[in-house]
């Protein structure tokens, strides 16, 4: 991963500073990032995160060797989601082609969707009722959030 050695914008630069890590990813720390990575389980080298090519209706393809590590791919996606950076900007920051940024984002967004939609969106009514402050539950007894 030669590009990562020349790129000054990579996860290795920010993982030891919680303030910077939170600013760029929205996650409180690198430890939260590793927990997210473990939950998503992209496997060694990100082999579970399939690169999708839509050329002539072709399906998923493993494609060429990746330019970034799995960690830096996920970091790139989180930075894009957090800061709304353009692909061109991210390509410059990570020293990769804009087309690679596009493929990385598409692949990881699809992968995260498939894995994160298994999490419950709302807590059960019993859990909400049990933890809601009495003052709040008296005034708003049917509140769900």
N, C-alpha and C. Protein backbone atom coordinates (compact mmCIF):
# COMPACT_ATOMS: atom_id res chain seq x y z
N UNK A 1 0.82 -1.19 0.00
CA UNK A 1 0.00 0.00 0.00
C UNK A 1 0.87 1.26 0.00
N UNK A 2 1.54 1.45 -1.11
CA UNK A 2 2.46 2.58 -1.25
C UNK A 2 1.76 3.92 -1.13
N UNK A 3 0.53 4.02 -1.65
CA UNK A 3 -0.18 5.29 -1.58
C UNK A 3 -0.33 5.77 -0.14
N UNK A 4 -0.52 4.83 0.78
CA UNK A 4 -0.71 5.21 2.17
C UNK A 4 0.56 5.77 2.78
N UNK A 5 1.71 5.34 2.28
CA UNK A 5 2.97 5.86 2.79
C UNK A 5 3.18 7.30 2.36
N UNK A 6 2.68 7.66 1.17
CA UNK A 6 2.85 9.03 0.69
C UNK A 6 1.69 9.93 1.10
N UNK A 7 0.55 9.35 1.41
CA UNK A 7 -0.61 10.14 1.80
C UNK A 7 -0.48 10.56 3.26
N UNK A 8 -0.59 11.84 3.50
CA UNK A 8 -0.52 12.31 4.89
C UNK A 8 -1.89 12.23 5.55
N UNK A 9 -2.93 12.02 4.74
CA UNK A 9 -4.28 11.93 5.27
C UNK A 9 -4.67 10.46 5.30
N UNK A 10 -4.50 9.83 6.45
CA UNK A 10 -4.83 8.41 6.60
C UNK A 10 -5.16 8.15 8.06
N UNK A 11 -5.71 7.00 8.32
CA UNK A 11 -6.16 6.68 9.67
C UNK A 11 -5.00 6.69 10.67
N UNK A 12 -3.82 6.29 10.22
CA UNK A 12 -2.66 6.25 11.11
C UNK A 12 -2.34 7.63 11.67
N UNK A 13 -2.61 8.66 10.92
CA UNK A 13 -2.32 10.03 11.36
C UNK A 13 -3.25 10.49 12.48
N UNK A 14 -4.49 10.02 12.47
CA UNK A 14 -5.51 10.56 13.38
C UNK A 14 -5.93 9.61 14.50
N UNK A 15 -5.52 8.35 14.46
CA UNK A 15 -6.07 7.38 15.41
C UNK A 15 -5.66 7.61 16.86
N UNK A 16 -4.61 8.37 17.09
CA UNK A 16 -4.18 8.61 18.47
C UNK A 16 -4.73 9.90 19.06
N UNK A 17 -5.51 10.64 18.30
CA UNK A 17 -6.09 11.90 18.79
C UNK A 17 -7.61 11.82 18.68
N UNK A 18 -8.27 11.58 19.82
CA UNK A 18 -9.73 11.43 19.82
C UNK A 18 -10.44 12.65 19.25
N UNK A 19 -9.95 13.84 19.53
CA UNK A 19 -10.59 15.06 19.05
C UNK A 19 -10.58 15.10 17.51
N UNK A 20 -9.44 14.83 16.92
CA UNK A 20 -9.34 14.82 15.46
C UNK A 20 -10.15 13.67 14.87
N UNK A 21 -10.06 12.50 15.50
CA UNK A 21 -10.78 11.34 15.00
C UNK A 21 -12.29 11.61 14.98
N UNK A 22 -12.80 12.20 16.04
CA UNK A 22 -14.22 12.53 16.11
C UNK A 22 -14.59 13.58 15.07
N UNK A 23 -13.72 14.56 14.87
CA UNK A 23 -14.01 15.62 13.90
C UNK A 23 -14.11 15.07 12.48
N UNK A 24 -13.27 14.11 12.14
CA UNK A 24 -13.25 13.58 10.78
C UNK A 24 -14.23 12.44 10.54
N UNK A 25 -14.53 11.64 11.58
CA UNK A 25 -15.36 10.45 11.36
C UNK A 25 -16.72 10.50 12.04
N UNK A 26 -16.86 11.31 13.07
CA UNK A 26 -18.09 11.31 13.85
C UNK A 26 -18.07 10.26 14.95
N UNK A 27 -17.05 9.41 14.97
CA UNK A 27 -16.90 8.43 16.04
C UNK A 27 -16.03 9.02 17.14
N UNK A 28 -16.36 8.75 18.40
CA UNK A 28 -15.63 9.39 19.51
C UNK A 28 -14.14 9.07 19.57
N UNK A 29 -13.74 7.89 19.07
CA UNK A 29 -12.33 7.50 19.19
C UNK A 29 -12.01 6.37 18.22
N UNK A 30 -10.73 6.09 18.11
CA UNK A 30 -10.27 4.97 17.29
C UNK A 30 -10.79 3.64 17.86
N UNK A 31 -10.95 3.57 19.17
CA UNK A 31 -11.49 2.34 19.78
C UNK A 31 -12.92 2.09 19.30
N UNK A 32 -13.71 3.13 19.14
CA UNK A 32 -15.06 2.97 18.60
C UNK A 32 -15.00 2.52 17.14
N UNK A 33 -14.04 3.04 16.42
CA UNK A 33 -13.83 2.63 15.03
C UNK A 33 -13.52 1.14 14.95
N UNK A 34 -12.63 0.66 15.82
CA UNK A 34 -12.30 -0.77 15.79
C UNK A 34 -13.49 -1.62 16.21
N UNK A 35 -14.32 -1.12 17.12
CA UNK A 35 -15.54 -1.85 17.50
C UNK A 35 -16.51 -1.92 16.31
N UNK A 36 -16.65 -0.82 15.59
CA UNK A 36 -17.50 -0.81 14.40
C UNK A 36 -16.96 -1.78 13.36
N UNK A 37 -15.66 -1.75 13.16
CA UNK A 37 -15.03 -2.66 12.20
C UNK A 37 -15.27 -4.11 12.60
N UNK A 38 -15.13 -4.42 13.87
CA UNK A 38 -15.35 -5.79 14.34
C UNK A 38 -16.81 -6.21 14.13
N UNK A 39 -17.75 -5.29 14.38
CA UNK A 39 -19.16 -5.61 14.18
C UNK A 39 -19.45 -5.85 12.69
N UNK A 40 -18.93 -4.98 11.84
CA UNK A 40 -19.17 -5.12 10.40
C UNK A 40 -18.50 -6.37 9.83
N UNK A 41 -17.37 -6.76 10.39
CA UNK A 41 -16.63 -7.96 9.99
C UNK A 41 -16.32 -7.99 8.49
N UNK A 42 -15.50 -7.04 8.03
CA UNK A 42 -15.15 -7.03 6.61
C UNK A 42 -14.14 -8.12 6.23
N UNK A 43 -13.59 -8.81 7.19
CA UNK A 43 -12.60 -9.87 7.04
C UNK A 43 -11.25 -9.31 6.60
N UNK A 44 -10.27 -10.19 6.56
CA UNK A 44 -8.90 -9.81 6.22
C UNK A 44 -8.85 -9.12 4.86
N UNK A 45 -8.29 -7.94 4.84
CA UNK A 45 -8.16 -7.20 3.58
C UNK A 45 -9.47 -6.70 3.02
N UNK A 46 -10.55 -6.77 3.80
CA UNK A 46 -11.85 -6.28 3.33
C UNK A 46 -12.50 -7.19 2.31
N UNK A 47 -12.18 -8.50 2.35
CA UNK A 47 -12.70 -9.41 1.31
C UNK A 47 -14.23 -9.56 1.35
N UNK A 48 -14.87 -9.24 2.46
CA UNK A 48 -16.33 -9.28 2.51
C UNK A 48 -16.97 -8.06 1.85
N UNK A 49 -16.19 -7.01 1.67
CA UNK A 49 -16.69 -5.79 1.04
C UNK A 49 -16.44 -5.92 -0.45
N UNK A 50 -17.43 -6.38 -1.18
CA UNK A 50 -17.26 -6.62 -2.60
C UNK A 50 -17.31 -5.33 -3.38
N UNK A 51 -16.41 -5.22 -4.32
CA UNK A 51 -16.44 -4.09 -5.24
C UNK A 51 -17.51 -4.40 -6.27
N UNK A 52 -18.42 -3.48 -6.47
CA UNK A 52 -19.46 -3.70 -7.46
C UNK A 52 -19.13 -2.96 -8.73
N UNK A 53 -19.22 -3.64 -9.82
CA UNK A 53 -19.01 -3.07 -11.14
C UNK A 53 -20.33 -3.19 -11.89
N UNK A 54 -20.79 -2.13 -12.44
CA UNK A 54 -22.06 -2.15 -13.17
C UNK A 54 -21.81 -2.05 -14.66
N UNK A 55 -20.82 -2.75 -15.16
CA UNK A 55 -20.50 -2.72 -16.58
C UNK A 55 -21.25 -3.86 -17.25
N UNK A 56 -22.18 -3.51 -18.13
CA UNK A 56 -22.93 -4.53 -18.85
C UNK A 56 -23.72 -5.45 -17.96
N UNK A 57 -24.16 -4.95 -16.81
CA UNK A 57 -24.98 -5.75 -15.92
C UNK A 57 -24.20 -6.79 -15.14
N UNK A 58 -22.89 -6.69 -15.16
CA UNK A 58 -22.07 -7.66 -14.42
C UNK A 58 -22.31 -7.51 -12.93
N UNK A 59 -22.18 -8.58 -12.21
CA UNK A 59 -22.41 -8.56 -10.77
C UNK A 59 -21.18 -8.13 -10.01
N UNK A 60 -21.11 -8.56 -8.77
CA UNK A 60 -19.99 -8.18 -7.90
C UNK A 60 -18.70 -8.80 -8.40
N UNK A 61 -17.64 -8.06 -8.23
CA UNK A 61 -16.33 -8.52 -8.67
C UNK A 61 -15.29 -8.15 -7.64
N UNK A 62 -14.33 -9.02 -7.43
CA UNK A 62 -13.29 -8.69 -6.47
C UNK A 62 -12.35 -7.64 -7.03
N UNK A 63 -12.23 -7.55 -8.36
CA UNK A 63 -11.48 -6.48 -9.00
C UNK A 63 -9.99 -6.54 -8.76
N UNK A 64 -9.33 -5.40 -8.99
CA UNK A 64 -7.89 -5.29 -8.83
C UNK A 64 -7.52 -5.24 -7.36
N UNK A 65 -6.21 -5.28 -7.12
CA UNK A 65 -5.72 -5.11 -5.75
C UNK A 65 -6.14 -3.75 -5.24
N UNK A 66 -6.45 -3.71 -3.98
CA UNK A 66 -6.90 -2.46 -3.37
C UNK A 66 -5.73 -1.52 -3.15
N UNK A 67 -5.99 -0.22 -3.32
CA UNK A 67 -4.96 0.79 -3.14
C UNK A 67 -4.80 1.16 -1.68
N UNK A 68 -5.85 1.00 -0.89
CA UNK A 68 -5.84 1.35 0.53
C UNK A 68 -6.10 0.10 1.36
N UNK A 69 -5.69 0.14 2.61
CA UNK A 69 -6.04 -0.95 3.52
C UNK A 69 -7.53 -0.89 3.80
N UNK A 70 -8.06 -1.98 4.33
CA UNK A 70 -9.47 -2.01 4.69
C UNK A 70 -9.79 -0.90 5.68
N UNK A 71 -8.91 -0.68 6.66
CA UNK A 71 -9.13 0.38 7.65
C UNK A 71 -9.21 1.75 6.99
N UNK A 72 -8.31 2.03 6.06
CA UNK A 72 -8.32 3.33 5.41
C UNK A 72 -9.50 3.49 4.46
N UNK A 73 -9.98 2.40 3.88
CA UNK A 73 -11.19 2.49 3.06
C UNK A 73 -12.38 2.90 3.92
N UNK A 74 -12.55 2.24 5.06
CA UNK A 74 -13.66 2.59 5.94
C UNK A 74 -13.48 4.01 6.48
N UNK A 75 -12.27 4.38 6.82
CA UNK A 75 -11.98 5.74 7.28
C UNK A 75 -12.37 6.75 6.20
N UNK A 76 -12.01 6.49 4.95
CA UNK A 76 -12.37 7.37 3.84
C UNK A 76 -13.89 7.55 3.77
N UNK A 77 -14.63 6.46 3.86
CA UNK A 77 -16.09 6.52 3.78
C UNK A 77 -16.67 7.32 4.94
N UNK A 78 -16.19 7.09 6.14
CA UNK A 78 -16.69 7.83 7.30
C UNK A 78 -16.37 9.32 7.18
N UNK A 79 -15.19 9.64 6.66
CA UNK A 79 -14.83 11.05 6.45
C UNK A 79 -15.78 11.67 5.43
N UNK A 80 -16.07 10.94 4.37
CA UNK A 80 -16.99 11.47 3.35
C UNK A 80 -18.39 11.70 3.94
N UNK A 81 -18.87 10.75 4.72
CA UNK A 81 -20.20 10.89 5.32
C UNK A 81 -20.23 12.03 6.33
N UNK A 82 -19.18 12.18 7.11
CA UNK A 82 -19.13 13.20 8.15
C UNK A 82 -18.97 14.61 7.58
N UNK A 83 -18.08 14.77 6.60
CA UNK A 83 -17.72 16.10 6.12
C UNK A 83 -18.32 16.46 4.77
N UNK A 84 -19.00 15.52 4.13
CA UNK A 84 -19.60 15.75 2.81
C UNK A 84 -18.58 16.22 1.79
N UNK A 85 -17.40 15.61 1.81
CA UNK A 85 -16.36 15.99 0.87
C UNK A 85 -16.63 15.39 -0.51
N UNK A 86 -16.22 16.11 -1.54
CA UNK A 86 -16.36 15.61 -2.90
C UNK A 86 -15.35 14.48 -3.14
N UNK A 87 -15.67 13.61 -4.08
CA UNK A 87 -14.78 12.51 -4.42
C UNK A 87 -13.41 13.02 -4.84
N UNK A 88 -13.38 14.10 -5.61
CA UNK A 88 -12.11 14.67 -6.07
C UNK A 88 -11.24 15.07 -4.88
N UNK A 89 -11.85 15.67 -3.87
CA UNK A 89 -11.12 16.09 -2.67
C UNK A 89 -10.55 14.87 -1.95
N UNK A 90 -11.36 13.85 -1.78
CA UNK A 90 -10.89 12.63 -1.10
C UNK A 90 -9.80 11.93 -1.90
N UNK A 91 -9.93 11.92 -3.22
CA UNK A 91 -8.90 11.31 -4.06
C UNK A 91 -7.57 12.01 -3.84
N UNK A 92 -7.60 13.32 -3.77
CA UNK A 92 -6.37 14.09 -3.53
C UNK A 92 -5.81 13.79 -2.14
N UNK A 93 -6.66 13.77 -1.13
CA UNK A 93 -6.21 13.53 0.25
C UNK A 93 -5.60 12.14 0.42
N UNK A 94 -6.21 11.14 -0.20
CA UNK A 94 -5.76 9.76 -0.02
C UNK A 94 -4.81 9.29 -1.13
N UNK A 95 -4.49 10.18 -2.06
CA UNK A 95 -3.55 9.86 -3.16
C UNK A 95 -4.01 8.66 -3.98
N UNK A 96 -5.29 8.65 -4.34
CA UNK A 96 -5.84 7.60 -5.19
C UNK A 96 -6.70 8.27 -6.26
N UNK A 97 -7.08 7.50 -7.26
CA UNK A 97 -7.92 8.03 -8.34
C UNK A 97 -9.34 8.28 -7.84
N UNK A 98 -9.99 9.25 -8.45
CA UNK A 98 -11.37 9.57 -8.09
C UNK A 98 -12.28 8.36 -8.32
N UNK A 99 -12.01 7.58 -9.36
CA UNK A 99 -12.82 6.39 -9.62
C UNK A 99 -12.69 5.38 -8.48
N UNK A 100 -11.51 5.30 -7.87
CA UNK A 100 -11.34 4.42 -6.71
C UNK A 100 -12.16 4.91 -5.52
N UNK A 101 -12.18 6.21 -5.31
CA UNK A 101 -13.00 6.77 -4.23
C UNK A 101 -14.46 6.39 -4.44
N UNK A 102 -14.93 6.55 -5.66
CA UNK A 102 -16.32 6.22 -5.98
C UNK A 102 -16.62 4.75 -5.70
N UNK A 103 -15.75 3.86 -6.16
CA UNK A 103 -15.95 2.42 -5.94
C UNK A 103 -15.90 2.07 -4.45
N UNK A 104 -14.95 2.65 -3.74
CA UNK A 104 -14.81 2.38 -2.31
C UNK A 104 -16.08 2.81 -1.57
N UNK A 105 -16.55 4.01 -1.86
CA UNK A 105 -17.75 4.52 -1.18
C UNK A 105 -18.97 3.66 -1.50
N UNK A 106 -19.17 3.35 -2.76
CA UNK A 106 -20.33 2.52 -3.14
C UNK A 106 -20.29 1.16 -2.46
N UNK A 107 -19.13 0.54 -2.48
CA UNK A 107 -19.00 -0.80 -1.89
C UNK A 107 -19.23 -0.78 -0.39
N UNK A 108 -18.59 0.17 0.29
CA UNK A 108 -18.72 0.22 1.75
C UNK A 108 -20.11 0.66 2.19
N UNK A 109 -20.72 1.58 1.48
CA UNK A 109 -22.08 2.01 1.85
C UNK A 109 -23.04 0.83 1.73
N UNK A 110 -22.93 0.08 0.65
CA UNK A 110 -23.78 -1.12 0.50
C UNK A 110 -23.49 -2.14 1.60
N UNK A 111 -22.22 -2.36 1.89
CA UNK A 111 -21.83 -3.32 2.92
C UNK A 111 -22.34 -2.89 4.29
N UNK A 112 -22.20 -1.61 4.62
CA UNK A 112 -22.68 -1.11 5.91
C UNK A 112 -24.20 -1.20 6.00
N UNK A 113 -24.89 -0.90 4.90
CA UNK A 113 -26.34 -1.00 4.89
C UNK A 113 -26.77 -2.43 5.23
N UNK A 114 -26.17 -3.40 4.58
CA UNK A 114 -26.54 -4.80 4.81
C UNK A 114 -26.29 -5.23 6.25
N UNK A 115 -25.22 -4.73 6.86
CA UNK A 115 -24.88 -5.14 8.22
C UNK A 115 -25.54 -4.31 9.30
N UNK A 116 -25.71 -3.03 9.07
CA UNK A 116 -26.26 -2.17 10.12
C UNK A 116 -27.79 -2.20 10.18
N UNK A 117 -28.44 -2.63 9.11
CA UNK A 117 -29.91 -2.71 9.16
C UNK A 117 -30.39 -3.86 10.03
N UNK A 118 -29.48 -4.72 10.46
CA UNK A 118 -29.86 -5.79 11.38
C UNK A 118 -30.04 -5.28 12.81
N UNK A 119 -29.52 -4.10 13.08
CA UNK A 119 -29.66 -3.51 14.42
C UNK A 119 -31.06 -2.95 14.61
N UNK A 120 -31.64 -3.12 15.79
CA UNK A 120 -32.97 -2.55 16.02
C UNK A 120 -32.90 -1.02 16.03
N UNK A 121 -33.86 -0.40 15.37
CA UNK A 121 -33.88 1.06 15.29
C UNK A 121 -34.43 1.67 16.57
N UNK A 122 -35.41 1.03 17.17
CA UNK A 122 -36.04 1.56 18.38
C UNK A 122 -35.93 0.55 19.52
N UNK A 123 -35.77 1.05 20.71
CA UNK A 123 -35.78 0.19 21.89
C UNK A 123 -37.22 -0.29 22.14
N UNK A 124 -37.39 -1.45 22.76
CA UNK A 124 -38.74 -1.93 23.07
C UNK A 124 -39.46 -0.96 24.02
N UNK A 125 -40.76 -0.92 23.93
CA UNK A 125 -41.59 -0.03 24.74
C UNK A 125 -41.28 -0.20 26.23
N UNK A 126 -41.08 -1.44 26.67
CA UNK A 126 -40.81 -1.71 28.08
C UNK A 126 -39.51 -1.04 28.52
N UNK A 127 -38.50 -1.08 27.69
CA UNK A 127 -37.21 -0.46 28.03
C UNK A 127 -37.35 1.06 28.11
N UNK A 128 -38.11 1.63 27.21
CA UNK A 128 -38.32 3.08 27.22
C UNK A 128 -39.08 3.48 28.48
N UNK A 129 -40.16 2.76 28.78
CA UNK A 129 -40.96 3.08 29.97
C UNK A 129 -40.14 2.92 31.25
N UNK A 130 -39.28 1.92 31.30
CA UNK A 130 -38.49 1.66 32.50
C UNK A 130 -37.41 2.71 32.74
N UNK A 131 -36.93 3.34 31.69
CA UNK A 131 -35.83 4.30 31.84
C UNK A 131 -36.26 5.76 31.71
N UNK A 132 -37.52 6.00 31.38
CA UNK A 132 -37.99 7.37 31.23
C UNK A 132 -38.15 8.05 32.60
N UNK A 133 -37.65 9.27 32.74
CA UNK A 133 -37.82 9.99 34.01
C UNK A 133 -39.31 10.15 34.36
N UNK A 134 -39.65 10.02 35.63
CA UNK A 134 -41.05 10.10 36.08
C UNK A 134 -41.72 11.39 35.66
N UNK A 135 -41.03 12.50 35.80
CA UNK A 135 -41.59 13.80 35.42
C UNK A 135 -41.98 13.80 33.95
N UNK A 136 -41.14 13.24 33.13
CA UNK A 136 -41.39 13.20 31.69
C UNK A 136 -42.54 12.25 31.36
N UNK A 137 -42.55 11.07 32.00
CA UNK A 137 -43.58 10.08 31.69
C UNK A 137 -44.97 10.52 32.15
N UNK A 138 -45.04 11.34 33.21
CA UNK A 138 -46.34 11.85 33.65
C UNK A 138 -46.89 12.87 32.66
N UNK A 139 -46.02 13.70 32.13
CA UNK A 139 -46.45 14.75 31.20
C UNK A 139 -46.66 14.20 29.79
N UNK A 140 -45.82 13.24 29.38
CA UNK A 140 -45.88 12.67 28.03
C UNK A 140 -45.89 11.14 28.12
N UNK A 141 -46.98 10.53 28.55
CA UNK A 141 -47.01 9.09 28.81
C UNK A 141 -46.86 8.20 27.57
N UNK A 142 -47.17 8.70 26.39
CA UNK A 142 -47.10 7.86 25.20
C UNK A 142 -45.85 8.11 24.36
N UNK A 143 -44.90 8.85 24.90
CA UNK A 143 -43.68 9.14 24.15
C UNK A 143 -42.89 7.87 23.90
N UNK A 144 -42.41 7.72 22.70
CA UNK A 144 -41.67 6.51 22.33
C UNK A 144 -40.16 6.77 22.25
N UNK A 145 -39.76 7.99 21.97
CA UNK A 145 -38.33 8.27 21.79
C UNK A 145 -37.71 8.73 23.08
